[in-house]
Amino acid sequence: MKSQLLNGILAVVSSVSEIPADEILSHTKRNDVVDARCLFVHFAIRKYGFKAATIAQFLDRKRLCSVNDCLRNHDLFLSQSVSYRLMCNEIDRKLSTIYPTT
């Protein structure tokens, strides 16, 4: 069930951001890929309650700090980028219809 939900979140983020899922999971540091990865981490942890360690493992990261960096970057990107905020809102809307939270 966990991996199905994580893959679903990844699919929605990939669709909205137009970044292939394998690139989001990669170690690429290109700005658009980092944005998509931060969106994935934000929704997985803050909306669906996954633990940072679970997300780090899913992303094949050896250190939790990379996941925590994504959370910090998400907050920064949200406050500074209109396009990032629009993607975030669209992902939230789509995820809410597919995987409603209680």
PDB file of N, CA and C in Angstrom:
ATOM      1  N   MET A   1       0.822  -1.200   0.000  1.00  0.00           N
ATOM      2  CA  MET A   1       0.000   0.000   0.000  1.00  0.00           C
ATOM      3  C   MET A   1       0.866   1.264   0.000  1.00  0.00           C
ATOM      4  N   LYS A   2       1.932   1.276   0.828  1.00  0.00           N
ATOM      5  CA  LYS A   2       2.799   2.456   0.893  1.00  0.00           C
ATOM      6  C   LYS A   2       3.430   2.751  -0.460  1.00  0.00           C
ATOM      7  N   SER A   3       3.998   1.732  -1.077  1.00  0.00           N
ATOM      8  CA  SER A   3       4.680   1.968  -2.354  1.00  0.00           C
ATOM      9  C   SER A   3       3.686   2.369  -3.439  1.00  0.00           C
ATOM     10  N   GLN A   4       2.472   1.845  -3.364  1.00  0.00           N
ATOM     11  CA  GLN A   4       1.455   2.230  -4.337  1.00  0.00           C
ATOM     12  C   GLN A   4       1.119   3.723  -4.191  1.00  0.00           C
ATOM     13  N   LEU A   5       0.966   4.192  -2.961  1.00  0.00           N
ATOM     14  CA  LEU A   5       0.670   5.602  -2.726  1.00  0.00           C
ATOM     15  C   LEU A   5       1.848   6.472  -3.151  1.00  0.00           C
ATOM     16  N   LEU A   6       3.064   6.077  -2.789  1.00  0.00           N
ATOM     17  CA  LEU A   6       4.240   6.860  -3.178  1.00  0.00           C
ATOM     18  C   LEU A   6       4.378   6.921  -4.698  1.00  0.00           C
ATOM     19  N   ASN A   7       4.147   5.802  -5.363  1.00  0.00           N
ATOM     20  CA  ASN A   7       4.203   5.808  -6.830  1.00  0.00           C
ATOM     21  C   ASN A   7       3.097   6.660  -7.435  1.00  0.00           C
ATOM     22  N   GLY A   8       1.942   6.691  -6.790  1.00  0.00           N
ATOM     23  CA  GLY A   8       0.848   7.549  -7.253  1.00  0.00           C
ATOM     24  C   GLY A   8       1.185   9.015  -7.098  1.00  0.00           C
ATOM     25  N   ILE A   9       1.757   9.379  -5.963  1.00  0.00           N
ATOM     26  CA  ILE A   9       2.185  10.769  -5.745  1.00  0.00           C
ATOM     27  C   ILE A   9       3.240  11.139  -6.786  1.00  0.00           C
ATOM     28  N   LEU A  10       4.190  10.252  -6.981  1.00  0.00           N
ATOM     29  CA  LEU A  10       5.249  10.488  -7.967  1.00  0.00           C
ATOM     30  C   LEU A  10       4.663  10.675  -9.358  1.00  0.00           C
ATOM     31  N   ALA A  11       3.681   9.877  -9.718  1.00  0.00           N
ATOM     32  CA  ALA A  11       3.061   9.977 -11.045  1.00  0.00           C
ATOM     33  C   ALA A  11       2.367  11.320 -11.240  1.00  0.00           C
ATOM     34  N   VAL A  12       1.674  11.790 -10.221  1.00  0.00           N
ATOM     35  CA  VAL A  12       0.990  13.080 -10.325  1.00  0.00           C
ATOM     36  C   VAL A  12       2.007  14.213 -10.421  1.00  0.00           C
ATOM     37  N   VAL A  13       3.031  14.179  -9.579  1.00  0.00           N
ATOM     38  CA  VAL A  13       4.080  15.213  -9.630  1.00  0.00           C
ATOM     39  C   VAL A  13       4.748  15.202 -11.002  1.00  0.00           C
ATOM     40  N   SER A  14       5.031  14.020 -11.507  1.00  0.00           N
ATOM     41  CA  SER A  14       5.654  13.885 -12.826  1.00  0.00           C
ATOM     42  C   SER A  14       4.764  14.466 -13.921  1.00  0.00           C
ATOM     43  N   SER A  15       3.493  14.165 -13.858  1.00  0.00           N
ATOM     44  CA  SER A  15       2.543  14.651 -14.858  1.00  0.00           C
ATOM     45  C   SER A  15       2.438  16.174 -14.840  1.00  0.00           C
ATOM     46  N   VAL A  16       2.278  16.751 -13.672  1.00  0.00           N
ATOM     47  CA  VAL A  16       2.097  18.203 -13.563  1.00  0.00           C
ATOM     48  C   VAL A  16       3.389  18.942 -13.893  1.00  0.00           C
ATOM     49  N   SER A  17       4.507  18.437 -13.402  1.00  0.00           N
ATOM     50  CA  SER A  17       5.783  19.125 -13.611  1.00  0.00           C
ATOM     51  C   SER A  17       6.394  18.841 -14.982  1.00  0.00           C
ATOM     52  N   GLU A  18       5.866  17.812 -15.661  1.00  0.00           N
ATOM     53  CA  GLU A  18       6.389  17.369 -16.952  1.00  0.00           C
ATOM     54  C   GLU A  18       7.844  16.901 -16.858  1.00  0.00           C
ATOM     55  N   ILE A  19       8.196  16.358 -15.700  1.00  0.00           N
ATOM     56  CA  ILE A  19       9.510  15.760 -15.465  1.00  0.00           C
ATOM     57  C   ILE A  19       9.286  14.253 -15.307  1.00  0.00           C
ATOM     58  N   PRO A  20       9.957  13.432 -16.101  1.00  0.00           N
ATOM     59  CA  PRO A  20       9.773  11.982 -15.961  1.00  0.00           C
ATOM     60  C   PRO A  20      10.102  11.501 -14.549  1.00  0.00           C
ATOM     61  N   ALA A  21       9.346  10.513 -14.100  1.00  0.00           N
ATOM     62  CA  ALA A  21       9.519   9.994 -12.738  1.00  0.00           C
ATOM     63  C   ALA A  21      10.937   9.525 -12.484  1.00  0.00           C
ATOM     64  N   ASP A  22      11.562   8.900 -13.476  1.00  0.00           N
ATOM     65  CA  ASP A  22      12.930   8.418 -13.264  1.00  0.00           C
ATOM     66  C   ASP A  22      13.907   9.563 -13.043  1.00  0.00           C
ATOM     67  N   GLU A  23      13.636  10.733 -13.620  1.00  0.00           N
ATOM     68  CA  GLU A  23      14.490  11.894 -13.367  1.00  0.00           C
ATOM     69  C   GLU A  23      14.261  12.444 -11.959  1.00  0.00           C
ATOM     70  N   ILE A  24      13.011  12.429 -11.500  1.00  0.00           N
ATOM     71  CA  ILE A  24      12.715  12.891 -10.140  1.00  0.00           C
ATOM     72  C   ILE A  24      13.440  12.006  -9.136  1.00  0.00           C
ATOM     73  N   LEU A  25      13.487  10.714  -9.407  1.00  0.00           N
ATOM     74  CA  LEU A  25      14.155   9.771  -8.515  1.00  0.00           C
ATOM     75  C   LEU A  25      15.680   9.793  -8.660  1.00  0.00           C
ATOM     76  N   SER A  26      16.170  10.417  -9.707  1.00  0.00           N
ATOM     77  CA  SER A  26      17.615  10.440  -9.952  1.00  0.00           C
ATOM     78  C   SER A  26      18.309  11.431  -9.009  1.00  0.00           C
ATOM     79  N   HIS A  27      19.595  11.528  -9.158  1.00  0.00           N
ATOM     80  CA  HIS A  27      20.379  12.471  -8.364  1.00  0.00           C
ATOM     81  C   HIS A  27      20.666  13.758  -9.144  1.00  0.00           C
ATOM     82  N   THR A  28      19.953  13.959 -10.239  1.00  0.00           N
ATOM     83  CA  THR A  28      20.116  15.149 -11.067  1.00  0.00           C
ATOM     84  C   THR A  28      19.830  16.403 -10.242  1.00  0.00           C
ATOM     85  N   LYS A  29      20.643  17.420 -10.447  1.00  0.00           N
ATOM     86  CA  LYS A  29      20.471  18.666  -9.700  1.00  0.00           C
ATOM     87  C   LYS A  29      19.982  19.810 -10.585  1.00  0.00           C
ATOM     88  N   ARG A  30      19.475  19.462 -11.759  1.00  0.00           N
ATOM     89  CA  ARG A  30      18.906  20.485 -12.641  1.00  0.00           C
ATOM     90  C   ARG A  30      17.712  21.132 -11.929  1.00  0.00           C
ATOM     91  N   ASN A  31      17.559  22.417 -12.058  1.00  0.00           N
ATOM     92  CA  ASN A  31      16.547  23.163 -11.294  1.00  0.00           C
ATOM     93  C   ASN A  31      15.143  22.594 -11.415  1.00  0.00           C
ATOM     94  N   ASP A  32      14.705  22.262 -12.618  1.00  0.00           N
ATOM     95  CA  ASP A  32      13.337  21.771 -12.776  1.00  0.00           C
ATOM     96  C   ASP A  32      13.149  20.406 -12.124  1.00  0.00           C
ATOM     97  N   VAL A  33      14.195  19.599 -12.126  1.00  0.00           N
ATOM     98  CA  VAL A  33      14.126  18.288 -11.478  1.00  0.00           C
ATOM     99  C   VAL A  33      14.108  18.451  -9.960  1.00  0.00           C
ATOM    100  N   VAL A  34      14.917  19.348  -9.443  1.00  0.00           N
ATOM    101  CA  VAL A  34      14.932  19.618  -8.000  1.00  0.00           C
ATOM    102  C   VAL A  34      13.567  20.135  -7.552  1.00  0.00           C
ATOM    103  N   ASP A  35      12.975  21.018  -8.344  1.00  0.00           N
ATOM    104  CA  ASP A  35      11.629  21.520  -8.023  1.00  0.00           C
ATOM    105  C   ASP A  35      10.637  20.363  -7.906  1.00  0.00           C
ATOM    106  N   ALA A  36      10.641  19.473  -8.884  1.00  0.00           N
ATOM    107  CA  ALA A  36       9.712  18.338  -8.878  1.00  0.00           C
ATOM    108  C   ALA A  36       9.983  17.419  -7.690  1.00  0.00           C
ATOM    109  N   ARG A  37      11.256  17.183  -7.390  1.00  0.00           N
ATOM    110  CA  ARG A  37      11.614  16.326  -6.255  1.00  0.00           C
ATOM    111  C   ARG A  37      11.127  16.958  -4.947  1.00  0.00           C
ATOM    112  N   CYS A  38      11.295  18.260  -4.819  1.00  0.00           N
ATOM    113  CA  CYS A  38      10.830  18.951  -3.598  1.00  0.00           C
ATOM    114  C   CYS A  38       9.308  18.864  -3.470  1.00  0.00           C
ATOM    115  N   LEU A  39       8.608  18.973  -4.571  1.00  0.00           N
ATOM    116  CA  LEU A  39       7.149  18.829  -4.538  1.00  0.00           C
ATOM    117  C   LEU A  39       6.759  17.422  -4.094  1.00  0.00           C
ATOM    118  N   PHE A  40       7.435  16.425  -4.638  1.00  0.00           N
ATOM    119  CA  PHE A  40       7.160  15.041  -4.238  1.00  0.00           C
ATOM    120  C   PHE A  40       7.378  14.859  -2.734  1.00  0.00           C
ATOM    121  N   VAL A  41       8.505  15.315  -2.242  1.00  0.00           N
ATOM    122  CA  VAL A  41       8.835  15.162  -0.817  1.00  0.00           C
ATOM    123  C   VAL A  41       7.803  15.893   0.040  1.00  0.00           C
ATOM    124  N   HIS A  42       7.455  17.101  -0.349  1.00  0.00           N
ATOM    125  CA  HIS A  42       6.465  17.879   0.406  1.00  0.00           C
ATOM    126  C   HIS A  42       5.152  17.115   0.544  1.00  0.00           C
ATOM    127  N   PHE A  43       4.622  16.634  -0.563  1.00  0.00           N
ATOM    128  CA  PHE A  43       3.321  15.951  -0.503  1.00  0.00           C
ATOM    129  C   PHE A  43       3.412  14.625   0.230  1.00  0.00           C
ATOM    130  N   ALA A  44       4.478  13.890   0.011  1.00  0.00           N
ATOM    131  CA  ALA A  44       4.608  12.585   0.670  1.00  0.00           C
ATOM    132  C   ALA A  44       4.695  12.738   2.186  1.00  0.00           C
ATOM    133  N   ILE A  45       5.434  13.736   2.647  1.00  0.00           N
ATOM    134  CA  ILE A  45       5.634  13.900   4.093  1.00  0.00           C
ATOM    135  C   ILE A  45       4.544  14.738   4.728  1.00  0.00           C
ATOM    136  N   ARG A  46       4.306  15.903   4.191  1.00  0.00           N
ATOM    137  CA  ARG A  46       3.395  16.844   4.868  1.00  0.00           C
ATOM    138  C   ARG A  46       1.921  16.554   4.628  1.00  0.00           C
ATOM    139  N   LYS A  47       1.574  16.013   3.482  1.00  0.00           N
ATOM    140  CA  LYS A  47       0.152  15.743   3.228  1.00  0.00           C
ATOM    141  C   LYS A  47      -0.226  14.303   3.558  1.00  0.00           C
ATOM    142  N   TYR A  48       0.677  13.363   3.273  1.00  0.00           N
ATOM    143  CA  TYR A  48       0.339  11.957   3.462  1.00  0.00           C
ATOM    144  C   TYR A  48       1.056  11.307   4.626  1.00  0.00           C
ATOM    145  N   GLY A  49       1.858  12.059   5.356  1.00  0.00           N
ATOM    146  CA  GLY A  49       2.400  11.604   6.626  1.00  0.00           C
ATOM    147  C   GLY A  49       3.501  10.568   6.592  1.00  0.00           C
ATOM    148  N   PHE A  50       4.171  10.424   5.474  1.00  0.00           N
ATOM    149  CA  PHE A  50       5.293   9.490   5.426  1.00  0.00           C
ATOM    150  C   PHE A  50       6.452  10.037   6.257  1.00  0.00           C
ATOM    151  N   LYS A  51       7.240   9.143   6.793  1.00  0.00           N
ATOM    152  CA  LYS A  51       8.436   9.514   7.549  1.00  0.00           C
ATOM    153  C   LYS A  51       9.549   9.875   6.562  1.00  0.00           C
ATOM    154  N   ALA A  52      10.404  10.794   6.994  1.00  0.00           N
ATOM    155  CA  ALA A  52      11.521  11.221   6.151  1.00  0.00           C
ATOM    156  C   ALA A  52      12.405  10.043   5.763  1.00  0.00           C
ATOM    157  N   ALA A  53      12.604   9.107   6.676  1.00  0.00           N
ATOM    158  CA  ALA A  53      13.446   7.938   6.386  1.00  0.00           C
ATOM    159  C   ALA A  53      12.842   7.082   5.273  1.00  0.00           C
ATOM    160  N   THR A  54      11.535   6.957   5.249  1.00  0.00           N
ATOM    161  CA  THR A  54      10.861   6.197   4.201  1.00  0.00           C
ATOM    162  C   THR A  54      11.041   6.873   2.844  1.00  0.00           C
ATOM    163  N   ILE A  55      10.927   8.184   2.839  1.00  0.00           N
ATOM    164  CA  ILE A  55      11.084   8.939   1.589  1.00  0.00           C
ATOM    165  C   ILE A  55      12.530   8.877   1.120  1.00  0.00           C
ATOM    166  N   ALA A  56      13.467   8.987   2.045  1.00  0.00           N
ATOM    167  CA  ALA A  56      14.886   8.889   1.680  1.00  0.00           C
ATOM    168  C   ALA A  56      15.162   7.542   1.027  1.00  0.00           C
ATOM    169  N   GLN A  57      14.602   6.481   1.587  1.00  0.00           N
ATOM    170  CA  GLN A  57      14.789   5.144   1.022  1.00  0.00           C
ATOM    171  C   GLN A  57      14.139   5.052  -0.355  1.00  0.00           C
ATOM    172  N   PHE A  58      12.929   5.588  -0.500  1.00  0.00           N
ATOM    173  CA  PHE A  58      12.225   5.563  -1.784  1.00  0.00           C
ATOM    174  C   PHE A  58      13.021   6.301  -2.852  1.00  0.00           C
ATOM    175  N   LEU A  59      13.639   7.421  -2.452  1.00  0.00           N
ATOM    176  CA  LEU A  59      14.444   8.220  -3.379  1.00  0.00           C
ATOM    177  C   LEU A  59      15.864   7.692  -3.531  1.00  0.00           C
ATOM    178  N   ASP A  60      16.178   6.619  -2.810  1.00  0.00           N
ATOM    179  CA  ASP A  60      17.514   6.023  -2.826  1.00  0.00           C
ATOM    180  C   ASP A  60      18.577   7.028  -2.374  1.00  0.00           C
ATOM    181  N   ARG A  61      18.252   7.715  -1.276  1.00  0.00           N
ATOM    182  CA  ARG A  61      19.195   8.661  -0.680  1.00  0.00           C
ATOM    183  C   ARG A  61      19.763   8.029   0.573  1.00  0.00           C
ATOM    184  N   LYS A  62      21.039   8.195   0.776  1.00  0.00           N
ATOM    185  CA  LYS A  62      21.694   7.598   1.938  1.00  0.00           C
ATOM    186  C   LYS A  62      21.533   8.462   3.192  1.00  0.00           C
ATOM    187  N   ARG A  63      21.265   9.749   2.978  1.00  0.00           N
ATOM    188  CA  ARG A  63      21.187  10.653   4.137  1.00  0.00           C
ATOM    189  C   ARG A  63      19.824  11.337   4.193  1.00  0.00           C
ATOM    190  N   LEU A  64      19.325  11.498   5.410  1.00  0.00           N
ATOM    191  CA  LEU A  64      18.046  12.180   5.603  1.00  0.00           C
ATOM    192  C   LEU A  64      18.133  13.656   5.277  1.00  0.00           C
ATOM    193  N   CYS A  65      19.337  14.215   5.346  1.00  0.00           N
ATOM    194  CA  CYS A  65      19.454  15.655   5.132  1.00  0.00           C
ATOM    195  C   CYS A  65      18.998  16.042   3.722  1.00  0.00           C
ATOM    196  N   SER A  66      19.129  15.161   2.741  1.00  0.00           N
ATOM    197  CA  SER A  66      18.666  15.503   1.393  1.00  0.00           C
ATOM    198  C   SER A  66      17.142  15.660   1.363  1.00  0.00           C
ATOM    199  N   VAL A  67      16.440  14.849   2.139  1.00  0.00           N
ATOM    200  CA  VAL A  67      14.986  14.972   2.237  1.00  0.00           C
ATOM    201  C   VAL A  67      14.630  16.250   2.997  1.00  0.00           C
ATOM    202  N   ASN A  68      15.324  16.514   4.076  1.00  0.00           N
ATOM    203  CA  ASN A  68      15.076  17.741   4.840  1.00  0.00           C
ATOM    204  C   ASN A  68      15.404  18.983   4.022  1.00  0.00           C
ATOM    205  N   ASP A  69      16.434  18.907   3.186  1.00  0.00           N
ATOM    206  CA  ASP A  69      16.756  20.017   2.285  1.00  0.00           C
ATOM    207  C   ASP A  69      15.595  20.280   1.327  1.00  0.00           C
ATOM    208  N   CYS A  70      14.981  19.224   0.837  1.00  0.00           N
ATOM    209  CA  CYS A  70      13.826  19.378  -0.057  1.00  0.00           C
ATOM    210  C   CYS A  70      12.682  20.104   0.647  1.00  0.00           C
ATOM    211  N   LEU A  71      12.450  19.768   1.900  1.00  0.00           N
ATOM    212  CA  LEU A  71      11.369  20.437   2.638  1.00  0.00           C
ATOM    213  C   LEU A  71      11.665  21.918   2.827  1.00  0.00           C
ATOM    214  N   ARG A  72      12.910  22.233   3.169  1.00  0.00           N
ATOM    215  CA  ARG A  72      13.298  23.644   3.319  1.00  0.00           C
ATOM    216  C   ARG A  72      13.199  24.377   1.985  1.00  0.00           C
ATOM    217  N   ASN A  73      13.695  23.732   0.935  1.00  0.00           N
ATOM    218  CA  ASN A  73      13.638  24.350  -0.388  1.00  0.00           C
ATOM    219  C   ASN A  73      12.204  24.552  -0.838  1.00  0.00           C
ATOM    220  N   HIS A  74      11.330  23.610  -0.521  1.00  0.00           N
ATOM    221  CA  HIS A  74       9.915  23.748  -0.897  1.00  0.00           C
ATOM    222  C   HIS A  74       9.348  25.042  -0.338  1.00  0.00           C
ATOM    223  N   ASP A  75       9.582  25.298   0.926  1.00  0.00           N
ATOM    224  CA  ASP A  75       9.055  26.515   1.550  1.00  0.00           C
ATOM    225  C   ASP A  75       9.620  27.764   0.883  1.00  0.00           C
ATOM    226  N   LEU A  76      10.895  27.733   0.555  1.00  0.00           N
ATOM    227  CA  LEU A  76      11.540  28.858  -0.119  1.00  0.00           C
ATOM    228  C   LEU A  76      10.974  29.039  -1.525  1.00  0.00           C
ATOM    229  N   PHE A  77      10.898  27.949  -2.290  1.00  0.00           N
ATOM    230  CA  PHE A  77      10.380  28.027  -3.653  1.00  0.00           C
ATOM    231  C   PHE A  77       8.931  28.505  -3.666  1.00  0.00           C
ATOM    232  N   LEU A  78       8.155  28.046  -2.715  1.00  0.00           N
ATOM    233  CA  LEU A  78       6.741  28.423  -2.631  1.00  0.00           C
ATOM    234  C   LEU A  78       6.583  29.927  -2.438  1.00  0.00           C
ATOM    235  N   SER A  79       7.466  30.507  -1.642  1.00  0.00           N
ATOM    236  CA  SER A  79       7.365  31.943  -1.379  1.00  0.00           C
ATOM    237  C   SER A  79       7.951  32.798  -2.495  1.00  0.00           C
ATOM    238  N   GLN A  80       8.787  32.215  -3.349  1.00  0.00           N
ATOM    239  CA  GLN A  80       9.491  33.023  -4.340  1.00  0.00           C
ATOM    240  C   GLN A  80       9.084  32.771  -5.793  1.00  0.00           C
ATOM    241  N   SER A  81       8.382  31.697  -6.064  1.00  0.00           N
ATOM    242  CA  SER A  81       8.109  31.343  -7.461  1.00  0.00           C
ATOM    243  C   SER A  81       6.618  31.120  -7.708  1.00  0.00           C
ATOM    244  N   VAL A  82       6.065  31.933  -8.585  1.00  0.00           N
ATOM    245  CA  VAL A  82       4.651  31.792  -8.931  1.00  0.00           C
ATOM    246  C   VAL A  82       4.409  30.467  -9.653  1.00  0.00           C
ATOM    247  N   SER A  83       5.287  30.100 -10.561  1.00  0.00           N
ATOM    248  CA  SER A  83       5.083  28.845 -11.306  1.00  0.00           C
ATOM    249  C   SER A  83       5.166  27.635 -10.370  1.00  0.00           C
ATOM    250  N   TYR A  84       6.062  27.683  -9.400  1.00  0.00           N
ATOM    251  CA  TYR A  84       6.166  26.589  -8.428  1.00  0.00           C
ATOM    252  C   TYR A  84       4.875  26.507  -7.606  1.00  0.00           C
ATOM    253  N   ARG A  85       4.375  27.656  -7.189  1.00  0.00           N
ATOM    254  CA  ARG A  85       3.139  27.700  -6.397  1.00  0.00           C
ATOM    255  C   ARG A  85       1.966  27.151  -7.210  1.00  0.00           C
ATOM    256  N   LEU A  86       1.907  27.491  -8.492  1.00  0.00           N
ATOM    257  CA  LEU A  86       0.832  26.983  -9.352  1.00  0.00           C
ATOM    258  C   LEU A  86       0.920  25.468  -9.508  1.00  0.00           C
ATOM    259  N   MET A  87       2.143  24.958  -9.699  1.00  0.00           N
ATOM    260  CA  MET A  87       2.311  23.495  -9.784  1.00  0.00           C
ATOM    261  C   MET A  87       1.875  22.838  -8.483  1.00  0.00           C
ATOM    262  N   CYS A  88       2.259  23.415  -7.363  1.00  0.00           N
ATOM    263  CA  CYS A  88       1.900  22.870  -6.053  1.00  0.00           C
ATOM    264  C   CYS A  88       0.376  22.799  -5.904  1.00  0.00           C
ATOM    265  N   ASN A  89      -0.303  23.855  -6.282  1.00  0.00           N
ATOM    266  CA  ASN A  89      -1.764  23.887  -6.182  1.00  0.00           C
ATOM    267  C   ASN A  89      -2.415  22.842  -7.092  1.00  0.00           C
ATOM    268  N   GLU A  90      -1.882  22.687  -8.298  1.00  0.00           N
ATOM    269  CA  GLU A  90      -2.433  21.713  -9.239  1.00  0.00           C
ATOM    270  C   GLU A  90      -2.205  20.285  -8.739  1.00  0.00           C
ATOM    271  N   ILE A  91      -1.020  20.022  -8.216  1.00  0.00           N
ATOM    272  CA  ILE A  91      -0.733  18.686  -7.667  1.00  0.00           C
ATOM    273  C   ILE A  91      -1.649  18.406  -6.487  1.00  0.00           C
ATOM    274  N   ASP A  92      -1.829  19.385  -5.622  1.00  0.00           N
ATOM    275  CA  ASP A  92      -2.704  19.215  -4.460  1.00  0.00           C
ATOM    276  C   ASP A  92      -4.128  18.903  -4.901  1.00  0.00           C
ATOM    277  N   ARG A  93      -4.602  19.618  -5.901  1.00  0.00           N
ATOM    278  CA  ARG A  93      -5.960  19.391  -6.409  1.00  0.00           C
ATOM    279  C   ARG A  93      -6.103  17.974  -6.968  1.00  0.00           C
ATOM    280  N   LYS A  94      -5.145  17.558  -7.764  1.00  0.00           N
ATOM    281  CA  LYS A  94      -5.215  16.217  -8.368  1.00  0.00           C
ATOM    282  C   LYS A  94      -5.092  15.119  -7.321  1.00  0.00           C
ATOM    283  N   LEU A  95      -4.141  15.282  -6.406  1.00  0.00           N
ATOM    284  CA  LEU A  95      -3.970  14.259  -5.372  1.00  0.00           C
ATOM    285  C   LEU A  95      -5.203  14.144  -4.480  1.00  0.00           C
ATOM    286  N   SER A  96      -5.844  15.270  -4.194  1.00  0.00           N
ATOM    287  CA  SER A  96      -7.033  15.263  -3.331  1.00  0.00           C
ATOM    288  C   SER A  96      -8.175  14.481  -3.934  1.00  0.00           C
ATOM    289  N   THR A  97      -8.265  14.463  -5.269  1.00  0.00           N
ATOM    290  CA  THR A  97      -9.332  13.694  -5.896  1.00  0.00           C
ATOM    291  C   THR A  97      -8.980  12.219  -5.997  1.00  0.00           C
ATOM    292  N   ILE A  98      -7.676  11.899  -6.122  1.00  0.00           N
ATOM    293  CA  ILE A  98      -7.255  10.510  -6.268  1.00  0.00           C
ATOM    294  C   ILE A  98      -7.074   9.843  -4.903  1.00  0.00           C
ATOM    295  N   TYR A  99      -6.382  10.535  -3.996  1.00  0.00           N
ATOM    296  CA  TYR A  99      -6.051   9.998  -2.671  1.00  0.00           C
ATOM    297  C   TYR A  99      -6.495  10.980  -1.588  1.00  0.00           C
ATOM    298  N   PRO A 100      -7.796  11.053  -1.320  1.00  0.00           N
ATOM    299  CA  PRO A 100      -8.260  12.004  -0.294  1.00  0.00           C
ATOM    300  C   PRO A 100      -7.692  11.662   1.087  1.00  0.00           C
ATOM    301  N   THR A 101      -7.361  12.698   1.826  1.00  0.00           N
ATOM    302  CA  THR A 101      -6.890  12.499   3.201  1.00  0.00           C
ATOM    303  C   THR A 101      -8.074  12.647   4.133  1.00  0.00           C
ATOM    304  N   THR A 102      -7.948  12.042   5.304  1.00  0.00           N
ATOM    305  CA  THR A 102      -9.071  12.114   6.261  1.00  0.00           C
ATOM    306  C   THR A 102      -8.857  13.193   7.269  1.00  0.00           C
TER     307      THR A 102
END
